[in-house]
C-alpha cells in the first residue's frame, strides 16, 4: 500500500518534485554529470514544454494537488517535472555506467 502523501494538500506535487529533484541532483553530483544533465535538459525543454502545454489543454491530465501557480501557461510543478525526469534518468545512467569505457 502506498503512503498517503496528500497530507501536503495543494503542495503535494511540488513536494514530490522537490524530493525527486534532490535525488536527481545527488545522483548527478555523485556521477559528476551535472553539466551533462543541464545541457540535455535545456535541449529537451522546448519539446517537453510544447507537449505538456498541449496535453494539459486537451485534458489528458487533471492535476488537483498543485500550488495553482502557472508560469507560461502550465503549472510550476510541470516545469520542475520537465527537469527532474531527465535529471533522474541521466543521474541513474551515469551512476551505473559513467565510468565504463566504450
PDB file of N, CA and C in Angstrom:
ATOM      1  N   UNK A   1       0.846  -1.177   0.000  1.00  0.00           N
ATOM      2  CA  UNK A   1       0.000   0.000   0.000  1.00  0.00           C
ATOM      3  C   UNK A   1       0.895   1.246   0.000  1.00  0.00           C
ATOM      4  N   UNK A   2       0.594   2.166  -0.868  1.00  0.00           N
ATOM      5  CA  UNK A   2       1.376   3.405  -0.977  1.00  0.00           C
ATOM      6  C   UNK A   2       0.998   4.367   0.148  1.00  0.00           C
ATOM      7  N   UNK A   3       1.968   5.128   0.640  1.00  0.00           N
ATOM      8  CA  UNK A   3       1.660   6.106   1.688  1.00  0.00           C
ATOM      9  C   UNK A   3       0.792   7.229   1.129  1.00  0.00           C
ATOM     10  N   UNK A   4      -0.044   7.800   1.971  1.00  0.00           N
ATOM     11  CA  UNK A   4      -0.907   8.910   1.575  1.00  0.00           C
ATOM     12  C   UNK A   4      -0.109  10.205   1.657  1.00  0.00           C
ATOM     13  N   UNK A   5       0.337  10.700   0.509  1.00  0.00           N
ATOM     14  CA  UNK A   5       1.120  11.932   0.512  1.00  0.00           C
ATOM     15  C   UNK A   5       0.250  13.164   0.327  1.00  0.00           C
ATOM     16  N   UNK A   6      -1.059  12.968   0.227  1.00  0.00           N
ATOM     17  CA  UNK A   6      -1.938  14.121   0.034  1.00  0.00           C
ATOM     18  C   UNK A   6      -2.008  15.004   1.274  1.00  0.00           C
ATOM     19  N   UNK A   7      -1.314  14.616   2.342  1.00  0.00           N
ATOM     20  CA  UNK A   7      -1.286  15.452   3.550  1.00  0.00           C
ATOM     21  C   UNK A   7      -0.651  16.805   3.254  1.00  0.00           C
ATOM     22  N   UNK A   8       0.086  16.901   2.155  1.00  0.00           N
ATOM     23  CA  UNK A   8       0.694  18.172   1.776  1.00  0.00           C
ATOM     24  C   UNK A   8      -0.290  19.079   1.040  1.00  0.00           C
ATOM     25  N   UNK A   9      -1.513  18.584   0.838  1.00  0.00           N
ATOM     26  CA  UNK A   9      -2.552  19.388   0.204  1.00  0.00           C
ATOM     27  C   UNK A   9      -2.128  19.910  -1.152  1.00  0.00           C
ATOM     28  N   UNK A  10      -2.329  21.205  -1.362  1.00  0.00           N
ATOM     29  CA  UNK A  10      -2.021  21.790  -2.671  1.00  0.00           C
ATOM     30  C   UNK A  10      -0.526  21.822  -2.972  1.00  0.00           C
ATOM     31  N   UNK A  11       0.296  21.472  -2.001  1.00  0.00           N
ATOM     32  CA  UNK A  11       1.746  21.439  -2.210  1.00  0.00           C
ATOM     33  C   UNK A  11       2.261  20.031  -2.513  1.00  0.00           C
ATOM     34  N   UNK A  12       1.361  19.059  -2.635  1.00  0.00           N
ATOM     35  CA  UNK A  12       1.756  17.664  -2.824  1.00  0.00           C
ATOM     36  C   UNK A  12       2.646  17.473  -4.043  1.00  0.00           C
ATOM     37  N   UNK A  13       2.218  17.969  -5.182  1.00  0.00           N
ATOM     38  CA  UNK A  13       3.002  17.800  -6.411  1.00  0.00           C
ATOM     39  C   UNK A  13       4.348  18.510  -6.283  1.00  0.00           C
ATOM     40  N   UNK A  14       4.354  19.698  -5.715  1.00  0.00           N
ATOM     41  CA  UNK A  14       5.598  20.448  -5.534  1.00  0.00           C
ATOM     42  C   UNK A  14       6.563  19.696  -4.621  1.00  0.00           C
ATOM     43  N   UNK A  15       6.063  19.175  -3.515  1.00  0.00           N
ATOM     44  CA  UNK A  15       6.908  18.444  -2.563  1.00  0.00           C
ATOM     45  C   UNK A  15       7.511  17.206  -3.224  1.00  0.00           C
ATOM     46  N   UNK A  16       6.706  16.474  -3.995  1.00  0.00           N
ATOM     47  CA  UNK A  16       7.251  15.278  -4.641  1.00  0.00           C
ATOM     48  C   UNK A  16       8.301  15.644  -5.691  1.00  0.00           C
ATOM     49  N   UNK A  17       8.082  16.725  -6.429  1.00  0.00           N
ATOM     50  CA  UNK A  17       9.082  17.157  -7.416  1.00  0.00           C
ATOM     51  C   UNK A  17      10.372  17.601  -6.733  1.00  0.00           C
ATOM     52  N   UNK A  18      10.254  18.310  -5.621  1.00  0.00           N
ATOM     53  CA  UNK A  18      11.450  18.747  -4.895  1.00  0.00           C
ATOM     54  C   UNK A  18      12.207  17.555  -4.318  1.00  0.00           C
ATOM     55  N   UNK A  19      11.470  16.571  -3.790  1.00  0.00           N
ATOM     56  CA  UNK A  19      12.114  15.372  -3.252  1.00  0.00           C
ATOM     57  C   UNK A  19      12.895  14.639  -4.350  1.00  0.00           C
ATOM     58  N   UNK A  20      12.209  14.327  -5.459  1.00  0.00           N
ATOM     59  CA  UNK A  20      12.874  13.585  -6.531  1.00  0.00           C
ATOM     60  C   UNK A  20      13.918  14.436  -7.236  1.00  0.00           C
ATOM     61  N   UNK A  21      13.727  15.737  -7.256  1.00  0.00           N
ATOM     62  CA  UNK A  21      14.758  16.626  -7.788  1.00  0.00           C
ATOM     63  C   UNK A  21      16.024  16.557  -6.963  1.00  0.00           C
ATOM     64  N   UNK A  22      15.865  16.480  -5.637  1.00  0.00           N
ATOM     65  CA  UNK A  22      17.031  16.354  -4.755  1.00  0.00           C
ATOM     66  C   UNK A  22      17.750  15.029  -5.002  1.00  0.00           C
ATOM     67  N   UNK A  23      16.981  13.960  -5.207  1.00  0.00           N
ATOM     68  CA  UNK A  23      17.588  12.666  -5.528  1.00  0.00           C
ATOM     69  C   UNK A  23      18.372  12.774  -6.835  1.00  0.00           C
ATOM     70  N   UNK A  24      17.784  13.422  -7.836  1.00  0.00           N
ATOM     71  CA  UNK A  24      18.464  13.589  -9.126  1.00  0.00           C
ATOM     72  C   UNK A  24      19.768  14.356  -8.959  1.00  0.00           C
ATOM     73  N   UNK A  25      19.738  15.451  -8.208  1.00  0.00           N
ATOM     74  CA  UNK A  25      20.950  16.254  -8.002  1.00  0.00           C
ATOM     75  C   UNK A  25      22.024  15.435  -7.295  1.00  0.00           C
ATOM     76  N   UNK A  26      21.642  14.660  -6.289  1.00  0.00           N
ATOM     77  CA  UNK A  26      22.619  13.826  -5.586  1.00  0.00           C
ATOM     78  C   UNK A  26      23.262  12.812  -6.530  1.00  0.00           C
ATOM     79  N   UNK A  27      22.446  12.160  -7.348  1.00  0.00           N
ATOM     80  CA  UNK A  27      22.989  11.189  -8.305  1.00  0.00           C
ATOM     81  C   UNK A  27      23.903  11.870  -9.320  1.00  0.00           C
ATOM     82  N   UNK A  28      23.475  13.020  -9.817  1.00  0.00           N
ATOM     83  CA  UNK A  28      24.273  13.730 -10.818  1.00  0.00           C
ATOM     84  C   UNK A  28      25.589  14.224 -10.241  1.00  0.00           C
ATOM     85  N   UNK A  29      25.562  14.687  -9.006  1.00  0.00           N
ATOM     86  CA  UNK A  29      26.810  15.126  -8.364  1.00  0.00           C
ATOM     87  C   UNK A  29      27.740  13.944  -8.144  1.00  0.00           C
ATOM     88  N   UNK A  30      27.176  12.833  -7.675  1.00  0.00           N
ATOM     89  CA  UNK A  30      27.982  11.636  -7.431  1.00  0.00           C
ATOM     90  C   UNK A  30      28.662  11.171  -8.712  1.00  0.00           C
ATOM     91  N   UNK A  31      27.933  11.269  -9.834  1.00  0.00           N
ATOM     92  CA  UNK A  31      28.462  10.810 -11.120  1.00  0.00           C
ATOM     93  C   UNK A  31      29.211  11.911 -11.868  1.00  0.00           C
ATOM     94  N   UNK A  32      29.322  13.078 -11.262  1.00  0.00           N
ATOM     95  CA  UNK A  32      29.968  14.232 -11.900  1.00  0.00           C
ATOM     96  C   UNK A  32      29.340  14.513 -13.271  1.00  0.00           C
ATOM     97  N   UNK A  33      28.004  14.544 -13.292  1.00  0.00           N
ATOM     98  CA  UNK A  33      27.280  14.697 -14.557  1.00  0.00           C
ATOM     99  C   UNK A  33      26.304  15.871 -14.541  1.00  0.00           C
ATOM    100  N   UNK A  34      26.497  16.830 -13.645  1.00  0.00           N
ATOM    101  CA  UNK A  34      25.581  17.973 -13.584  1.00  0.00           C
ATOM    102  C   UNK A  34      25.564  18.750 -14.899  1.00  0.00           C
ATOM    103  N   UNK A  35      26.725  19.002 -15.457  1.00  0.00           N
ATOM    104  CA  UNK A  35      26.796  19.766 -16.711  1.00  0.00           C
ATOM    105  C   UNK A  35      26.128  19.004 -17.853  1.00  0.00           C
ATOM    106  N   UNK A  36      26.405  17.722 -17.958  1.00  0.00           N
ATOM    107  CA  UNK A  36      25.799  16.894 -18.999  1.00  0.00           C
ATOM    108  C   UNK A  36      24.274  16.924 -18.878  1.00  0.00           C
ATOM    109  N   UNK A  37      23.775  16.817 -17.662  1.00  0.00           N
ATOM    110  CA  UNK A  37      22.328  16.841 -17.443  1.00  0.00           C
ATOM    111  C   UNK A  37      21.740  18.204 -17.791  1.00  0.00           C
ATOM    112  N   UNK A  38      22.414  19.265 -17.395  1.00  0.00           N
ATOM    113  CA  UNK A  38      21.909  20.615 -17.671  1.00  0.00           C
ATOM    114  C   UNK A  38      21.785  20.851 -19.176  1.00  0.00           C
ATOM    115  N   UNK A  39      22.777  20.433 -19.928  1.00  0.00           N
ATOM    116  CA  UNK A  39      22.740  20.603 -21.387  1.00  0.00           C
ATOM    117  C   UNK A  39      21.591  19.800 -21.990  1.00  0.00           C
ATOM    118  N   UNK A  40      21.432  18.570 -21.534  1.00  0.00           N
ATOM    119  CA  UNK A  40      20.356  17.716 -22.037  1.00  0.00           C
ATOM    120  C   UNK A  40      18.992  18.292 -21.692  1.00  0.00           C
ATOM    121  N   UNK A  41      18.824  18.738 -20.456  1.00  0.00           N
ATOM    122  CA  UNK A  41      17.546  19.308 -20.024  1.00  0.00           C
ATOM    123  C   UNK A  41      17.215  20.554 -20.846  1.00  0.00           C
ATOM    124  N   UNK A  42      18.188  21.411 -21.065  1.00  0.00           N
ATOM    125  CA  UNK A  42      17.950  22.613 -21.876  1.00  0.00           C
ATOM    126  C   UNK A  42      17.577  22.257 -23.314  1.00  0.00           C
ATOM    127  N   UNK A  43      18.175  21.210 -23.848  1.00  0.00           N
ATOM    128  CA  UNK A  43      17.853  20.789 -25.212  1.00  0.00           C
ATOM    129  C   UNK A  43      16.449  20.187 -25.304  1.00  0.00           C
ATOM    130  N   UNK A  44      16.047  19.437 -24.292  1.00  0.00           N
ATOM    131  CA  UNK A  44      14.741  18.778 -24.297  1.00  0.00           C
ATOM    132  C   UNK A  44      13.591  19.693 -23.890  1.00  0.00           C
ATOM    133  N   UNK A  45      13.884  20.716 -23.127  1.00  0.00           N
ATOM    134  CA  UNK A  45      12.842  21.537 -22.512  1.00  0.00           C
ATOM    135  C   UNK A  45      11.831  22.112 -23.508  1.00  0.00           C
ATOM    136  N   UNK A  46      12.248  22.698 -24.626  1.00  0.00           N
ATOM    137  CA  UNK A  46      11.241  23.266 -25.542  1.00  0.00           C
ATOM    138  C   UNK A  46      10.238  22.231 -26.051  1.00  0.00           C
ATOM    139  N   UNK A  47      10.713  21.051 -26.383  1.00  0.00           N
ATOM    140  CA  UNK A  47       9.816  19.993 -26.850  1.00  0.00           C
ATOM    141  C   UNK A  47       8.884  19.559 -25.720  1.00  0.00           C
ATOM    142  N   UNK A  48       9.440  19.371 -24.538  1.00  0.00           N
ATOM    143  CA  UNK A  48       8.634  18.964 -23.383  1.00  0.00           C
ATOM    144  C   UNK A  48       7.585  20.019 -23.051  1.00  0.00           C
ATOM    145  N   UNK A  49       7.962  21.289 -23.139  1.00  0.00           N
ATOM    146  CA  UNK A  49       7.023  22.375 -22.842  1.00  0.00           C
ATOM    147  C   UNK A  49       5.839  22.355 -23.806  1.00  0.00           C
ATOM    148  N   UNK A  50       6.124  22.262 -25.108  1.00  0.00           N
ATOM    149  CA  UNK A  50       5.044  22.255 -26.103  1.00  0.00           C
ATOM    150  C   UNK A  50       4.139  21.046 -25.888  1.00  0.00           C
ATOM    151  N   UNK A  51       4.742  19.895 -25.663  1.00  0.00           N
ATOM    152  CA  UNK A  51       3.953  18.679 -25.443  1.00  0.00           C
ATOM    153  C   UNK A  51       3.112  18.802 -24.174  1.00  0.00           C
ATOM    154  N   UNK A  52       3.686  19.297 -23.108  1.00  0.00           N
ATOM    155  CA  UNK A  52       2.972  19.440 -21.842  1.00  0.00           C
ATOM    156  C   UNK A  52       1.815  20.420 -21.985  1.00  0.00           C
ATOM    157  N   UNK A  53       2.073  21.535 -22.620  1.00  0.00           N
ATOM    158  CA  UNK A  53       1.030  22.549 -22.813  1.00  0.00           C
ATOM    159  C   UNK A  53      -0.134  21.962 -23.607  1.00  0.00           C
ATOM    160  N   UNK A  54       0.181  21.200 -24.644  1.00  0.00           N
ATOM    161  CA  UNK A  54      -0.855  20.568 -25.456  1.00  0.00           C
ATOM    162  C   UNK A  54      -1.664  19.559 -24.641  1.00  0.00           C
ATOM    163  N   UNK A  55      -0.984  18.650 -23.934  1.00  0.00           N
ATOM    164  CA  UNK A  55      -1.711  17.612 -23.190  1.00  0.00           C
ATOM    165  C   UNK A  55      -2.578  18.208 -22.086  1.00  0.00           C
ATOM    166  N   UNK A  56      -2.119  19.275 -21.466  1.00  0.00           N
ATOM    167  CA  UNK A  56      -2.949  19.938 -20.457  1.00  0.00           C
ATOM    168  C   UNK A  56      -4.147  20.629 -21.106  1.00  0.00           C
ATOM    169  N   UNK A  57      -3.944  21.233 -22.270  1.00  0.00           N
ATOM    170  CA  UNK A  57      -5.023  21.948 -22.961  1.00  0.00           C
ATOM    171  C   UNK A  57      -6.137  21.011 -23.415  1.00  0.00           C
ATOM    172  N   UNK A  58      -5.776  19.808 -23.856  1.00  0.00           N
ATOM    173  CA  UNK A  58      -6.803  18.878 -24.330  1.00  0.00           C
ATOM    174  C   UNK A  58      -7.367  18.011 -23.207  1.00  0.00           C
ATOM    175  N   UNK A  59      -6.870  18.185 -21.999  1.00  0.00           N
ATOM    176  CA  UNK A  59      -7.441  17.490 -20.848  1.00  0.00           C
ATOM    177  C   UNK A  59      -6.888  16.113 -20.564  1.00  0.00           C
ATOM    178  N   UNK A  60      -5.710  15.799 -21.064  1.00  0.00           N
ATOM    179  CA  UNK A  60      -5.109  14.494 -20.777  1.00  0.00           C
ATOM    180  C   UNK A  60      -4.821  14.361 -19.284  1.00  0.00           C
ATOM    181  N   UNK A  61      -4.370  15.444 -18.668  1.00  0.00           N
ATOM    182  CA  UNK A  61      -4.048  15.438 -17.243  1.00  0.00           C
ATOM    183  C   UNK A  61      -4.931  16.438 -16.504  1.00  0.00           C
ATOM    184  N   UNK A  62      -5.304  16.086 -15.291  1.00  0.00           N
ATOM    185  CA  UNK A  62      -6.010  16.999 -14.402  1.00  0.00           C
ATOM    186  C   UNK A  62      -5.263  16.948 -13.071  1.00  0.00           C
ATOM    187  N   UNK A  63      -4.487  17.976 -12.804  1.00  0.00           N
ATOM    188  CA  UNK A  63      -3.611  17.981 -11.634  1.00  0.00           C
ATOM    189  C   UNK A  63      -4.299  18.736 -10.500  1.00  0.00           C
ATOM    190  N   UNK A  64      -4.776  17.991  -9.509  1.00  0.00           N
ATOM    191  CA  UNK A  64      -5.515  18.611  -8.404  1.00  0.00           C
ATOM    192  C   UNK A  64      -4.623  19.088  -7.266  1.00  0.00           C
ATOM    193  N   UNK A  65      -3.623  18.315  -6.899  1.00  0.00           N
ATOM    194  CA  UNK A  65      -2.805  18.621  -5.724  1.00  0.00           C
ATOM    195  C   UNK A  65      -1.585  19.448  -6.114  1.00  0.00           C
ATOM    196  N   UNK A  66      -1.839  20.672  -6.564  1.00  0.00           N
ATOM    197  CA  UNK A  66      -0.781  21.566  -7.013  1.00  0.00           C
ATOM    198  C   UNK A  66      -0.977  22.946  -6.409  1.00  0.00           C
ATOM    199  N   UNK A  67       0.052  23.783  -6.518  1.00  0.00           N
ATOM    200  CA  UNK A  67       0.016  25.104  -5.885  1.00  0.00           C
ATOM    201  C   UNK A  67      -0.955  26.060  -6.549  1.00  0.00           C
ATOM    202  N   UNK A  68      -1.220  25.878  -7.807  1.00  0.00           N
ATOM    203  CA  UNK A  68      -2.061  26.816  -8.541  1.00  0.00           C
ATOM    204  C   UNK A  68      -1.259  27.917  -9.213  1.00  0.00           C
ATOM    205  N   UNK A  69       0.059  27.858  -9.083  1.00  0.00           N
ATOM    206  CA  UNK A  69       0.928  28.841  -9.726  1.00  0.00           C
ATOM    207  C   UNK A  69       1.227  28.358 -11.144  1.00  0.00           C
ATOM    208  N   UNK A  70       0.819  29.162 -12.126  1.00  0.00           N
ATOM    209  CA  UNK A  70       1.104  28.839 -13.518  1.00  0.00           C
ATOM    210  C   UNK A  70       2.164  29.786 -14.054  1.00  0.00           C
ATOM    211  N   UNK A  71       3.078  29.237 -14.820  1.00  0.00           N
ATOM    212  CA  UNK A  71       4.121  30.020 -15.481  1.00  0.00           C
ATOM    213  C   UNK A  71       4.077  29.650 -16.959  1.00  0.00           C
ATOM    214  N   UNK A  72       3.910  30.646 -17.803  1.00  0.00           N
ATOM    215  CA  UNK A  72       3.848  30.433 -19.253  1.00  0.00           C
ATOM    216  C   UNK A  72       2.784  29.405 -19.626  1.00  0.00           C
ATOM    217  N   UNK A  73       1.667  29.435 -18.922  1.00  0.00           N
ATOM    218  CA  UNK A  73       0.536  28.597 -19.278  1.00  0.00           C
ATOM    219  C   UNK A  73       0.505  27.194 -18.725  1.00  0.00           C
ATOM    220  N   UNK A  74       1.506  26.809 -17.948  1.00  0.00           N
ATOM    221  CA  UNK A  74       1.482  25.480 -17.334  1.00  0.00           C
ATOM    222  C   UNK A  74       1.877  25.594 -15.862  1.00  0.00           C
ATOM    223  N   UNK A  75       1.458  24.617 -15.053  1.00  0.00           N
ATOM    224  CA  UNK A  75       1.763  24.677 -13.623  1.00  0.00           C
ATOM    225  C   UNK A  75       3.267  24.689 -13.331  1.00  0.00           C
ATOM    226  N   UNK A  76       3.628  25.406 -12.293  1.00  0.00           N
ATOM    227  CA  UNK A  76       5.016  25.455 -11.817  1.00  0.00           C
ATOM    228  C   UNK A  76       5.597  24.052 -11.694  1.00  0.00           C
ATOM    229  N   UNK A  77       4.808  23.156 -11.129  1.00  0.00           N
ATOM    230  CA  UNK A  77       5.280  21.794 -10.886  1.00  0.00           C
ATOM    231  C   UNK A  77       5.627  21.063 -12.182  1.00  0.00           C
ATOM    232  N   UNK A  78       4.915  21.374 -13.257  1.00  0.00           N
ATOM    233  CA  UNK A  78       5.212  20.741 -14.540  1.00  0.00           C
ATOM    234  C   UNK A  78       6.562  21.200 -15.087  1.00  0.00           C
ATOM    235  N   UNK A  79       6.895  22.463 -14.866  1.00  0.00           N
ATOM    236  CA  UNK A  79       8.220  22.940 -15.273  1.00  0.00           C
ATOM    237  C   UNK A  79       9.306  22.153 -14.527  1.00  0.00           C
ATOM    238  N   UNK A  80       9.094  21.945 -13.230  1.00  0.00           N
ATOM    239  CA  UNK A  80      10.055  21.164 -12.446  1.00  0.00           C
ATOM    240  C   UNK A  80      10.123  19.723 -12.951  1.00  0.00           C
ATOM    241  N   UNK A  81       8.963  19.154 -13.236  1.00  0.00           N
ATOM    242  CA  UNK A  81       8.888  17.785 -13.742  1.00  0.00           C
ATOM    243  C   UNK A  81       9.741  17.617 -14.995  1.00  0.00           C
ATOM    244  N   UNK A  82       9.710  18.628 -15.871  1.00  0.00           N
ATOM    245  CA  UNK A  82      10.458  18.552 -17.131  1.00  0.00           C
ATOM    246  C   UNK A  82      11.967  18.603 -16.922  1.00  0.00           C
ATOM    247  N   UNK A  83      12.402  19.008 -15.753  1.00  0.00           N
ATOM    248  CA  UNK A  83      13.829  18.969 -15.419  1.00  0.00           C
ATOM    249  C   UNK A  83      14.161  17.740 -14.573  1.00  0.00           C
ATOM    250  N   UNK A  84      13.251  17.377 -13.683  1.00  0.00           N
ATOM    251  CA  UNK A  84      13.510  16.274 -12.755  1.00  0.00           C
ATOM    252  C   UNK A  84      13.600  14.930 -13.479  1.00  0.00           C
ATOM    253  N   UNK A  85      12.679  14.660 -14.379  1.00  0.00           N
ATOM    254  CA  UNK A  85      12.666  13.347 -15.037  1.00  0.00           C
ATOM    255  C   UNK A  85      13.950  13.092 -15.835  1.00  0.00           C
ATOM    256  N   UNK A  86      14.354  13.990 -16.743  1.00  0.00           N
ATOM    257  CA  UNK A  86      15.627  13.716 -17.417  1.00  0.00           C
ATOM    258  C   UNK A  86      16.812  13.735 -16.458  1.00  0.00           C
ATOM    259  N   UNK A  87      16.739  14.552 -15.419  1.00  0.00           N
ATOM    260  CA  UNK A  87      17.809  14.566 -14.423  1.00  0.00           C
ATOM    261  C   UNK A  87      17.953  13.222 -13.735  1.00  0.00           C
ATOM    262  N   UNK A  88      16.827  12.615 -13.384  1.00  0.00           N
ATOM    263  CA  UNK A  88      16.867  11.284 -12.770  1.00  0.00           C
ATOM    264  C   UNK A  88      17.397  10.234 -13.741  1.00  0.00           C
ATOM    265  N   UNK A  89      16.916  10.273 -14.970  1.00  0.00           N
ATOM    266  CA  UNK A  89      17.363   9.287 -15.960  1.00  0.00           C
ATOM    267  C   UNK A  89      18.874   9.391 -16.168  1.00  0.00           C
ATOM    268  N   UNK A  90      19.359  10.601 -16.385  1.00  0.00           N
ATOM    269  CA  UNK A  90      20.797  10.787 -16.596  1.00  0.00           C
ATOM    270  C   UNK A  90      21.569  10.455 -15.322  1.00  0.00           C
ATOM    271  N   UNK A  91      21.029  10.842 -14.174  1.00  0.00           N
ATOM    272  CA  UNK A  91      21.686  10.542 -12.904  1.00  0.00           C
ATOM    273  C   UNK A  91      21.857   9.053 -12.681  1.00  0.00           C
ATOM    274  N   UNK A  92      20.797   8.282 -12.914  1.00  0.00           N
ATOM    275  CA  UNK A  92      20.899   6.833 -12.768  1.00  0.00           C
ATOM    276  C   UNK A  92      21.843   6.248 -13.811  1.00  0.00           C
ATOM    277  N   UNK A  93      21.694   6.677 -15.058  1.00  0.00           N
ATOM    278  CA  UNK A  93      22.544   6.145 -16.122  1.00  0.00           C
ATOM    279  C   UNK A  93      24.018   6.414 -15.842  1.00  0.00           C
ATOM    280  N   UNK A  94      24.343   7.634 -15.495  1.00  0.00           N
ATOM    281  CA  UNK A  94      25.744   7.984 -15.259  1.00  0.00           C
ATOM    282  C   UNK A  94      26.287   7.344 -13.984  1.00  0.00           C
ATOM    283  N   UNK A  95      25.439   7.154 -12.992  1.00  0.00           N
ATOM    284  CA  UNK A  95      25.876   6.479 -11.769  1.00  0.00           C
ATOM    285  C   UNK A  95      26.201   5.015 -12.063  1.00  0.00           C
ATOM    286  N   UNK A  96      25.394   4.389 -12.908  1.00  0.00           N
ATOM    287  CA  UNK A  96      25.603   2.976 -13.223  1.00  0.00           C
ATOM    288  C   UNK A  96      26.706   2.778 -14.262  1.00  0.00           C
ATOM    289  N   UNK A  97      26.694   3.572 -15.323  1.00  0.00           N
ATOM    290  CA  UNK A  97      27.580   3.325 -16.466  1.00  0.00           C
ATOM    291  C   UNK A  97      28.632   4.401 -16.703  1.00  0.00           C
ATOM    292  N   UNK A  98      28.668   5.441 -15.911  1.00  0.00           N
ATOM    293  CA  UNK A  98      29.521   6.591 -16.178  1.00  0.00           C
ATOM    294  C   UNK A  98      31.000   6.320 -16.287  1.00  0.00           C
ATOM    295  N   UNK A  99      31.511   5.342 -15.569  1.00  0.00           N
ATOM    296  CA  UNK A  99      32.952   5.074 -15.584  1.00  0.00           C
ATOM    297  C   UNK A  99      33.372   4.055 -16.631  1.00  0.00           C
ATOM    298  N   UNK A 100      32.402   3.473 -17.332  1.00  0.00           N
ATOM    299  CA  UNK A 100      32.734   2.447 -18.323  1.00  0.00           C
ATOM    300  C   UNK A 100      33.366   3.076 -19.548  1.00  0.00           C
ATOM    301  N   UNK A 101      34.340   2.383 -20.095  1.00  0.00           N
ATOM    302  CA  UNK A 101      34.955   2.794 -21.358  1.00  0.00           C
ATOM    303  C   UNK A 101      34.210   2.106 -22.492  1.00  0.00           C
ATOM    304  N   UNK A 102      33.937   2.824 -23.556  1.00  0.00           N
ATOM    305  CA  UNK A 102      33.212   2.235 -24.699  1.00  0.00           C
ATOM    306  C   UNK A 102      34.091   1.274 -25.462  1.00  0.00           C
TER     307      UNK A 102
END
